[in-house]
Amino acid sequence: LLTGLLLVAGIGCVIWPKELWMAHFGVGVGVVATFGLV
């Protein structure tokens, strides 16, 4: 999972605009927070 995250984050830094990267980051954090509580 960490390898996948680092690759996705690195590629995202290159191909996504900053706003899109932050939006995706927010989705990831929201998913972890929500399902983490469950």
PDB file of all heavy atoms in Angstrom:
ATOM      1  N   LEU A   1       0.831  -1.210   0.000  1.00  0.00           N
ATOM      2  CA  LEU A   1       0.000   0.000   0.000  1.00  0.00           C
ATOM      3  C   LEU A   1       0.862   1.255   0.000  1.00  0.00           C
ATOM      4  O   LEU A   1       0.556   2.226  -0.700  1.00  0.00           O
ATOM      5  CB  LEU A   1      -0.937  -0.009   1.208  1.00  0.00           C
ATOM      6  CG  LEU A   1      -1.978  -1.126   1.231  1.00  0.00           C
ATOM      7  CD1 LEU A   1      -2.769  -1.087   2.526  1.00  0.00           C
ATOM      8  CD2 LEU A   1      -2.898  -1.029   0.032  1.00  0.00           C
ATOM      9  N   LEU A   2       1.936   1.252   0.788  1.00  0.00           N
ATOM     10  CA  LEU A   2       2.830   2.411   0.835  1.00  0.00           C
ATOM     11  C   LEU A   2       3.522   2.622  -0.509  1.00  0.00           C
ATOM     12  O   LEU A   2       3.630   3.757  -0.982  1.00  0.00           O
ATOM     13  CB  LEU A   2       3.859   2.247   1.951  1.00  0.00           C
ATOM     14  CG  LEU A   2       4.824   3.414   2.139  1.00  0.00           C
ATOM     15  CD1 LEU A   2       4.063   4.711   2.440  1.00  0.00           C
ATOM     16  CD2 LEU A   2       5.828   3.112   3.239  1.00  0.00           C
ATOM     17  N   THR A   3       3.952   1.538  -1.144  1.00  0.00           N
ATOM     18  CA  THR A   3       4.565   1.649  -2.468  1.00  0.00           C
ATOM     19  C   THR A   3       3.573   2.245  -3.462  1.00  0.00           C
ATOM     20  O   THR A   3       3.912   3.164  -4.222  1.00  0.00           O
ATOM     21  CB  THR A   3       5.041   0.266  -2.954  1.00  0.00           C
ATOM     22  OG1 THR A   3       5.997  -0.238  -2.029  1.00  0.00           O
ATOM     23  CG2 THR A   3       5.655   0.349  -4.337  1.00  0.00           C
ATOM     24  N   GLY A   4       2.347   1.729  -3.450  1.00  0.00           N
ATOM     25  CA  GLY A   4       1.318   2.276  -4.337  1.00  0.00           C
ATOM     26  C   GLY A   4       1.043   3.742  -4.052  1.00  0.00           C
ATOM     27  O   GLY A   4       0.918   4.551  -4.980  1.00  0.00           O
ATOM     28  N   LEU A   5       0.963   4.092  -2.773  1.00  0.00           N
ATOM     29  CA  LEU A   5       0.710   5.484  -2.396  1.00  0.00           C
ATOM     30  C   LEU A   5       1.826   6.405  -2.866  1.00  0.00           C
ATOM     31  O   LEU A   5       1.562   7.474  -3.419  1.00  0.00           O
ATOM     32  CB  LEU A   5       0.533   5.598  -0.885  1.00  0.00           C
ATOM     33  CG  LEU A   5       0.298   7.009  -0.339  1.00  0.00           C
ATOM     34  CD1 LEU A   5      -0.993   7.592  -0.896  1.00  0.00           C
ATOM     35  CD2 LEU A   5       0.284   6.990   1.175  1.00  0.00           C
ATOM     36  N   LEU A   6       3.065   5.998  -2.657  1.00  0.00           N
ATOM     37  CA  LEU A   6       4.191   6.838  -3.085  1.00  0.00           C
ATOM     38  C   LEU A   6       4.225   7.003  -4.599  1.00  0.00           C
ATOM     39  O   LEU A   6       4.487   8.106  -5.099  1.00  0.00           O
ATOM     40  CB  LEU A   6       5.510   6.254  -2.570  1.00  0.00           C
ATOM     41  CG  LEU A   6       5.707   6.310  -1.062  1.00  0.00           C
ATOM     42  CD1 LEU A   6       6.981   5.569  -0.661  1.00  0.00           C
ATOM     43  CD2 LEU A   6       5.737   7.748  -0.566  1.00  0.00           C
ATOM     44  N   LEU A   7       3.960   5.934  -5.331  1.00  0.00           N
ATOM     45  CA  LEU A   7       3.937   6.028  -6.794  1.00  0.00           C
ATOM     46  C   LEU A   7       2.791   6.926  -7.270  1.00  0.00           C
ATOM     47  O   LEU A   7       2.985   7.788  -8.139  1.00  0.00           O
ATOM     48  CB  LEU A   7       3.821   4.640  -7.416  1.00  0.00           C
ATOM     49  CG  LEU A   7       5.064   3.760  -7.298  1.00  0.00           C
ATOM     50  CD1 LEU A   7       4.750   2.329  -7.722  1.00  0.00           C
ATOM     51  CD2 LEU A   7       6.209   4.332  -8.125  1.00  0.00           C
ATOM     52  N   VAL A   8       1.611   6.729  -6.700  1.00  0.00           N
ATOM     53  CA  VAL A   8       0.452   7.549  -7.094  1.00  0.00           C
ATOM     54  C   VAL A   8       0.693   9.019  -6.736  1.00  0.00           C
ATOM     55  O   VAL A   8       0.441   9.914  -7.541  1.00  0.00           O
ATOM     56  CB  VAL A   8      -0.840   7.020  -6.438  1.00  0.00           C
ATOM     57  CG1 VAL A   8      -1.973   8.018  -6.553  1.00  0.00           C
ATOM     58  CG2 VAL A   8      -1.249   5.696  -7.065  1.00  0.00           C
ATOM     59  N   ALA A   9       1.195   9.275  -5.533  1.00  0.00           N
ATOM     60  CA  ALA A   9       1.444  10.651  -5.112  1.00  0.00           C
ATOM     61  C   ALA A   9       2.503  11.309  -5.990  1.00  0.00           C
ATOM     62  O   ALA A   9       2.365  12.467  -6.386  1.00  0.00           O
ATOM     63  CB  ALA A   9       1.870  10.690  -3.645  1.00  0.00           C
ATOM     64  N   GLY A  10       3.569  10.559  -6.313  1.00  0.00           N
ATOM     65  CA  GLY A  10       4.624  11.108  -7.166  1.00  0.00           C
ATOM     66  C   GLY A  10       4.139  11.406  -8.567  1.00  0.00           C
ATOM     67  O   GLY A  10       4.394  12.490  -9.109  1.00  0.00           O
ATOM     68  N   ILE A  11       3.429  10.463  -9.165  1.00  0.00           N
ATOM     69  CA  ILE A  11       2.885  10.690 -10.511  1.00  0.00           C
ATOM     70  C   ILE A  11       1.859  11.821 -10.468  1.00  0.00           C
ATOM     71  O   ILE A  11       1.816  12.674 -11.353  1.00  0.00           O
ATOM     72  CB  ILE A  11       2.278   9.398 -11.079  1.00  0.00           C
ATOM     73  CG1 ILE A  11       3.379   8.380 -11.351  1.00  0.00           C
ATOM     74  CG2 ILE A  11       1.477   9.673 -12.345  1.00  0.00           C
ATOM     75  CD1 ILE A  11       2.877   6.997 -11.715  1.00  0.00           C
ATOM     76  N   GLY A  12       1.036  11.835  -9.413  1.00  0.00           N
ATOM     77  CA  GLY A  12       0.043  12.894  -9.271  1.00  0.00           C
ATOM     78  C   GLY A  12       0.675  14.266  -9.194  1.00  0.00           C
ATOM     79  O   GLY A  12       0.147  15.239  -9.743  1.00  0.00           O
ATOM     80  N   CYS A  13       1.817  14.367  -8.523  1.00  0.00           N
ATOM     81  CA  CYS A  13       2.529  15.659  -8.441  1.00  0.00           C
ATOM     82  C   CYS A  13       2.942  16.151  -9.820  1.00  0.00           C
ATOM     83  O   CYS A  13       2.997  17.356 -10.063  1.00  0.00           O
ATOM     84  CB  CYS A  13       3.772  15.533  -7.559  1.00  0.00           C
ATOM     85  SG  CYS A  13       3.424  15.529  -5.803  1.00  0.00           S
ATOM     86  N   VAL A  14       3.225  15.215 -10.710  1.00  0.00           N
ATOM     87  CA  VAL A  14       3.694  15.569 -12.052  1.00  0.00           C
ATOM     88  C   VAL A  14       2.524  15.857 -12.989  1.00  0.00           C
ATOM     89  O   VAL A  14       2.571  16.820 -13.765  1.00  0.00           O
ATOM     90  CB  VAL A  14       4.583  14.442 -12.626  1.00  0.00           C
ATOM     91  CG1 VAL A  14       4.947  14.708 -14.070  1.00  0.00           C
ATOM     92  CG2 VAL A  14       5.834  14.270 -11.772  1.00  0.00           C
ATOM     93  N   ILE A  15       1.476  15.040 -12.940  1.00  0.00           N
ATOM     94  CA  ILE A  15       0.431  15.161 -13.971  1.00  0.00           C
ATOM     95  C   ILE A  15      -0.814  15.920 -13.529  1.00  0.00           C
ATOM     96  O   ILE A  15      -1.578  16.363 -14.380  1.00  0.00           O
ATOM     97  CB  ILE A  15       0.027  13.777 -14.528  1.00  0.00           C
ATOM     98  CG1 ILE A  15      -0.649  12.918 -13.464  1.00  0.00           C
ATOM     99  CG2 ILE A  15       1.210  13.071 -15.143  1.00  0.00           C
ATOM    100  CD1 ILE A  15      -1.249  11.620 -14.004  1.00  0.00           C
ATOM    101  N   TRP A  16      -1.040  16.052 -12.227  1.00  0.00           N
ATOM    102  CA  TRP A  16      -2.229  16.754 -11.761  1.00  0.00           C
ATOM    103  C   TRP A  16      -1.888  18.196 -11.410  1.00  0.00           C
ATOM    104  O   TRP A  16      -0.835  18.462 -10.845  1.00  0.00           O
ATOM    105  CB  TRP A  16      -2.796  16.114 -10.497  1.00  0.00           C
ATOM    106  CG  TRP A  16      -3.369  14.748 -10.644  1.00  0.00           C
ATOM    107  CD1 TRP A  16      -3.860  14.162 -11.761  1.00  0.00           C
ATOM    108  CD2 TRP A  16      -3.504  13.781  -9.590  1.00  0.00           C
ATOM    109  NE1 TRP A  16      -4.298  12.896 -11.476  1.00  0.00           N
ATOM    110  CE2 TRP A  16      -4.096  12.636 -10.156  1.00  0.00           C
ATOM    111  CE3 TRP A  16      -3.194  13.781  -8.241  1.00  0.00           C
ATOM    112  CZ2 TRP A  16      -4.379  11.500  -9.424  1.00  0.00           C
ATOM    113  CZ3 TRP A  16      -3.479  12.644  -7.501  1.00  0.00           C
ATOM    114  CH2 TRP A  16      -4.063  11.522  -8.087  1.00  0.00           C
ATOM    115  N   PRO A  17      -2.806  19.133 -11.692  1.00  0.00           N
ATOM    116  CA  PRO A  17      -2.629  20.475 -11.138  1.00  0.00           C
ATOM    117  C   PRO A  17      -2.729  20.405  -9.607  1.00  0.00           C
ATOM    118  O   PRO A  17      -3.317  19.468  -9.058  1.00  0.00           O
ATOM    119  CB  PRO A  17      -3.781  21.287 -11.716  1.00  0.00           C
ATOM    120  CG  PRO A  17      -4.596  20.374 -12.549  1.00  0.00           C
ATOM    121  CD  PRO A  17      -3.999  19.013 -12.518  1.00  0.00           C
ATOM    122  N   LYS A  18      -2.157  21.381  -8.945  1.00  0.00           N
ATOM    123  CA  LYS A  18      -2.110  21.390  -7.480  1.00  0.00           C
ATOM    124  C   LYS A  18      -3.499  21.219  -6.860  1.00  0.00           C
ATOM    125  O   LYS A  18      -3.673  20.487  -5.884  1.00  0.00           O
ATOM    126  CB  LYS A  18      -1.469  22.688  -7.001  1.00  0.00           C
ATOM    127  CG  LYS A  18      -1.361  22.818  -5.516  1.00  0.00           C
ATOM    128  CD  LYS A  18      -0.730  24.149  -5.139  1.00  0.00           C
ATOM    129  CE  LYS A  18      -0.779  24.373  -3.655  1.00  0.00           C
ATOM    130  NZ  LYS A  18      -0.277  25.693  -3.287  1.00  0.00           N
ATOM    131  N   GLU A  19      -4.497  21.902  -7.424  1.00  0.00           N
ATOM    132  CA  GLU A  19      -5.849  21.846  -6.871  1.00  0.00           C
ATOM    133  C   GLU A  19      -6.426  20.426  -6.958  1.00  0.00           C
ATOM    134  O   GLU A  19      -7.094  19.957  -6.040  1.00  0.00           O
ATOM    135  CB  GLU A  19      -6.785  22.822  -7.597  1.00  0.00           C
ATOM    136  CG  GLU A  19      -6.412  24.278  -7.425  1.00  0.00           C
ATOM    137  CD  GLU A  19      -5.260  24.730  -8.320  1.00  0.00           C
ATOM    138  OE1 GLU A  19      -4.934  24.027  -9.315  1.00  0.00           O
ATOM    139  OE2 GLU A  19      -4.665  25.783  -8.031  1.00  0.00           O
ATOM    140  N   LEU A  20      -6.171  19.748  -8.071  1.00  0.00           N
ATOM    141  CA  LEU A  20      -6.670  18.387  -8.241  1.00  0.00           C
ATOM    142  C   LEU A  20      -5.956  17.439  -7.275  1.00  0.00           C
ATOM    143  O   LEU A  20      -6.582  16.568  -6.669  1.00  0.00           O
ATOM    144  CB  LEU A  20      -6.500  17.915  -9.688  1.00  0.00           C
ATOM    145  CG  LEU A  20      -7.053  16.525 -10.014  1.00  0.00           C
ATOM    146  CD1 LEU A  20      -8.550  16.457  -9.731  1.00  0.00           C
ATOM    147  CD2 LEU A  20      -6.760  16.166 -11.460  1.00  0.00           C
ATOM    148  N   TRP A  21      -4.644  17.630  -7.110  1.00  0.00           N
ATOM    149  CA  TRP A  21      -3.886  16.801  -6.172  1.00  0.00           C
ATOM    150  C   TRP A  21      -4.456  16.958  -4.769  1.00  0.00           C
ATOM    151  O   TRP A  21      -4.655  15.970  -4.057  1.00  0.00           O
ATOM    152  CB  TRP A  21      -2.406  17.185  -6.202  1.00  0.00           C
ATOM    153  CG  TRP A  21      -1.505  16.157  -5.591  1.00  0.00           C
ATOM    154  CD1 TRP A  21      -0.805  15.204  -6.260  1.00  0.00           C
ATOM    155  CD2 TRP A  21      -1.197  15.986  -4.207  1.00  0.00           C
ATOM    156  NE1 TRP A  21      -0.091  14.444  -5.365  1.00  0.00           N
ATOM    157  CE2 TRP A  21      -0.309  14.900  -4.088  1.00  0.00           C
ATOM    158  CE3 TRP A  21      -1.582  16.625  -3.035  1.00  0.00           C
ATOM    159  CZ2 TRP A  21       0.197  14.456  -2.883  1.00  0.00           C
ATOM    160  CZ3 TRP A  21      -1.080  16.183  -1.819  1.00  0.00           C
ATOM    161  CH2 TRP A  21      -0.203  15.105  -1.761  1.00  0.00           C
ATOM    162  N   MET A  22      -4.736  18.183  -4.386  1.00  0.00           N
ATOM    163  CA  MET A  22      -5.284  18.439  -3.047  1.00  0.00           C
ATOM    164  C   MET A  22      -6.699  17.861  -2.911  1.00  0.00           C
ATOM    165  O   MET A  22      -7.058  17.342  -1.848  1.00  0.00           O
ATOM    166  CB  MET A  22      -5.288  19.934  -2.738  1.00  0.00           C
ATOM    167  CG  MET A  22      -3.891  20.524  -2.581  1.00  0.00           C
ATOM    168  SD  MET A  22      -2.896  19.718  -1.328  1.00  0.00           S
ATOM    169  CE  MET A  22      -3.795  20.146   0.137  1.00  0.00           C
ATOM    170  N   ALA A  23      -7.492  17.946  -3.968  1.00  0.00           N
ATOM    171  CA  ALA A  23      -8.837  17.368  -3.924  1.00  0.00           C
ATOM    172  C   ALA A  23      -8.762  15.852  -3.741  1.00  0.00           C
ATOM    173  O   ALA A  23      -9.488  15.282  -2.921  1.00  0.00           O
ATOM    174  CB  ALA A  23      -9.610  17.716  -5.200  1.00  0.00           C
ATOM    175  N   HIS A  24      -7.887  15.200  -4.485  1.00  0.00           N
ATOM    176  CA  HIS A  24      -7.711  13.756  -4.355  1.00  0.00           C
ATOM    177  C   HIS A  24      -7.174  13.407  -2.968  1.00  0.00           C
ATOM    178  O   HIS A  24      -7.600  12.410  -2.373  1.00  0.00           O
ATOM    179  CB  HIS A  24      -6.764  13.231  -5.438  1.00  0.00           C
ATOM    180  CG  HIS A  24      -7.433  13.029  -6.759  1.00  0.00           C
ATOM    181  ND1 HIS A  24      -7.374  11.839  -7.428  1.00  0.00           N
ATOM    182  CD2 HIS A  24      -8.162  13.856  -7.541  1.00  0.00           C
ATOM    183  CE1 HIS A  24      -8.046  11.937  -8.564  1.00  0.00           C
ATOM    184  NE2 HIS A  24      -8.528  13.166  -8.657  1.00  0.00           N
ATOM    185  N   PHE A  25      -6.266  14.210  -2.466  1.00  0.00           N
ATOM    186  CA  PHE A  25      -5.734  13.998  -1.120  1.00  0.00           C
ATOM    187  C   PHE A  25      -6.873  14.067  -0.097  1.00  0.00           C
ATOM    188  O   PHE A  25      -6.962  13.244   0.805  1.00  0.00           O
ATOM    189  CB  PHE A  25      -4.655  15.048  -0.805  1.00  0.00           C
ATOM    190  CG  PHE A  25      -4.074  14.904   0.570  1.00  0.00           C
ATOM    191  CD1 PHE A  25      -3.147  13.921   0.854  1.00  0.00           C
ATOM    192  CD2 PHE A  25      -4.455  15.777   1.581  1.00  0.00           C
ATOM    193  CE1 PHE A  25      -2.603  13.793   2.121  1.00  0.00           C
ATOM    194  CE2 PHE A  25      -3.922  15.660   2.862  1.00  0.00           C
ATOM    195  CZ  PHE A  25      -2.995  14.662   3.128  1.00  0.00           C
ATOM    196  N   GLY A  26      -7.753  15.045  -0.268  1.00  0.00           N
ATOM    197  CA  GLY A  26      -8.905  15.194   0.621  1.00  0.00           C
ATOM    198  C   GLY A  26      -9.828  13.984   0.571  1.00  0.00           C
ATOM    199  O   GLY A  26     -10.341  13.539   1.599  1.00  0.00           O
ATOM    200  N   VAL A  27     -10.032  13.436  -0.620  1.00  0.00           N
ATOM    201  CA  VAL A  27     -10.854  12.234  -0.749  1.00  0.00           C
ATOM    202  C   VAL A  27     -10.196  11.079  -0.004  1.00  0.00           C
ATOM    203  O   VAL A  27     -10.853  10.357   0.760  1.00  0.00           O
ATOM    204  CB  VAL A  27     -11.089  11.865  -2.235  1.00  0.00           C
ATOM    205  CG1 VAL A  27     -11.755  10.504  -2.367  1.00  0.00           C
ATOM    206  CG2 VAL A  27     -11.916  12.935  -2.929  1.00  0.00           C
ATOM    207  N   GLY A  28      -8.903  10.903  -0.203  1.00  0.00           N
ATOM    208  CA  GLY A  28      -8.188   9.826   0.474  1.00  0.00           C
ATOM    209  C   GLY A  28      -8.269   9.942   1.986  1.00  0.00           C
ATOM    210  O   GLY A  28      -8.557   8.961   2.687  1.00  0.00           O
ATOM    211  N   VAL A  29      -8.051  11.147   2.507  1.00  0.00           N
ATOM    212  CA  VAL A  29      -8.125  11.371   3.953  1.00  0.00           C
ATOM    213  C   VAL A  29      -9.550  11.142   4.459  1.00  0.00           C
ATOM    214  O   VAL A  29      -9.759  10.515   5.503  1.00  0.00           O
ATOM    215  CB  VAL A  29      -7.617  12.789   4.316  1.00  0.00           C
ATOM    216  CG1 VAL A  29      -7.929  13.133   5.759  1.00  0.00           C
ATOM    217  CG2 VAL A  29      -6.122  12.899   4.051  1.00  0.00           C
ATOM    218  N   GLY A  30     -10.524  11.629   3.722  1.00  0.00           N
ATOM    219  CA  GLY A  30     -11.924  11.438   4.118  1.00  0.00           C
ATOM    220  C   GLY A  30     -12.324   9.971   4.154  1.00  0.00           C
ATOM    221  O   GLY A  30     -13.023   9.531   5.068  1.00  0.00           O
ATOM    222  N   VAL A  31     -11.862   9.218   3.167  1.00  0.00           N
ATOM    223  CA  VAL A  31     -12.162   7.788   3.115  1.00  0.00           C
ATOM    224  C   VAL A  31     -11.522   7.079   4.306  1.00  0.00           C
ATOM    225  O   VAL A  31     -12.172   6.277   4.987  1.00  0.00           O
ATOM    226  CB  VAL A  31     -11.675   7.178   1.778  1.00  0.00           C
ATOM    227  CG1 VAL A  31     -11.656   5.656   1.829  1.00  0.00           C
ATOM    228  CG2 VAL A  31     -12.544   7.668   0.625  1.00  0.00           C
ATOM    229  N   VAL A  32     -10.252   7.375   4.573  1.00  0.00           N
ATOM    230  CA  VAL A  32      -9.566   6.734   5.698  1.00  0.00           C
ATOM    231  C   VAL A  32     -10.236   7.109   7.023  1.00  0.00           C
ATOM    232  O   VAL A  32     -10.444   6.255   7.889  1.00  0.00           O
ATOM    233  CB  VAL A  32      -8.066   7.087   5.704  1.00  0.00           C
ATOM    234  CG1 VAL A  32      -7.405   6.670   7.009  1.00  0.00           C
ATOM    235  CG2 VAL A  32      -7.362   6.433   4.522  1.00  0.00           C
ATOM    236  N   ALA A  33     -10.601   8.375   7.177  1.00  0.00           N
ATOM    237  CA  ALA A  33     -11.250   8.799   8.420  1.00  0.00           C
ATOM    238  C   ALA A  33     -12.604   8.118   8.598  1.00  0.00           C
ATOM    239  O   ALA A  33     -12.914   7.598   9.681  1.00  0.00           O
ATOM    240  CB  ALA A  33     -11.418  10.323   8.434  1.00  0.00           C
ATOM    241  N   THR A  34     -13.397   8.089   7.550  1.00  0.00           N
ATOM    242  CA  THR A  34     -14.735   7.497   7.630  1.00  0.00           C
ATOM    243  C   THR A  34     -14.676   5.996   7.896  1.00  0.00           C
ATOM    244  O   THR A  34     -15.286   5.486   8.846  1.00  0.00           O
ATOM    245  CB  THR A  34     -15.514   7.761   6.331  1.00  0.00           C
ATOM    246  OG1 THR A  34     -15.595   9.174   6.119  1.00  0.00           O
ATOM    247  CG2 THR A  34     -16.907   7.170   6.390  1.00  0.00           C
ATOM    248  N   PHE A  35     -13.958   5.276   7.049  1.00  0.00           N
ATOM    249  CA  PHE A  35     -13.895   3.827   7.216  1.00  0.00           C
ATOM    250  C   PHE A  35     -13.031   3.444   8.413  1.00  0.00           C
ATOM    251  O   PHE A  35     -13.227   2.377   9.003  1.00  0.00           O
ATOM    252  CB  PHE A  35     -13.410   3.153   5.933  1.00  0.00           C
ATOM    253  CG  PHE A  35     -14.455   3.152   4.860  1.00  0.00           C
ATOM    254  CD1 PHE A  35     -14.442   4.109   3.858  1.00  0.00           C
ATOM    255  CD2 PHE A  35     -15.463   2.201   4.849  1.00  0.00           C
ATOM    256  CE1 PHE A  35     -15.412   4.124   2.872  1.00  0.00           C
ATOM    257  CE2 PHE A  35     -16.440   2.206   3.870  1.00  0.00           C
ATOM    258  CZ  PHE A  35     -16.414   3.169   2.879  1.00  0.00           C
ATOM    259  N   GLY A  36     -12.083   4.303   8.788  1.00  0.00           N
ATOM    260  CA  GLY A  36     -11.291   4.061   9.987  1.00  0.00           C
ATOM    261  C   GLY A  36     -12.157   4.072  11.240  1.00  0.00           C
ATOM    262  O   GLY A  36     -11.964   3.259  12.149  1.00  0.00           O
ATOM    263  N   LEU A  37     -13.120   4.976  11.294  1.00  0.00           N
ATOM    264  CA  LEU A  37     -14.050   4.987  12.426  1.00  0.00           C
ATOM    265  C   LEU A  37     -14.894   3.715  12.472  1.00  0.00           C
ATOM    266  O   LEU A  37     -15.134   3.158  13.544  1.00  0.00           O
ATOM    267  CB  LEU A  37     -14.958   6.219  12.364  1.00  0.00           C
ATOM    268  CG  LEU A  37     -14.343   7.529  12.812  1.00  0.00           C
ATOM    269  CD1 LEU A  37     -15.279   8.699  12.515  1.00  0.00           C
ATOM    270  CD2 LEU A  37     -14.003   7.479  14.293  1.00  0.00           C
ATOM    271  N   VAL A  38     -15.338   3.274  11.304  1.00  0.00           N
ATOM    272  CA  VAL A  38     -16.101   2.021  11.249  1.00  0.00           C
ATOM    273  C   VAL A  38     -15.238   0.868  11.750  1.00  0.00           C
ATOM    274  O   VAL A  38     -15.684   0.046  12.564  1.00  0.00           O
ATOM    275  CB  VAL A  38     -16.615   1.745   9.814  1.00  0.00           C
ATOM    276  CG1 VAL A  38     -17.279   0.372   9.729  1.00  0.00           C
ATOM    277  CG2 VAL A  38     -17.576   2.847   9.361  1.00  0.00           C
TER     278      VAL A  38
END
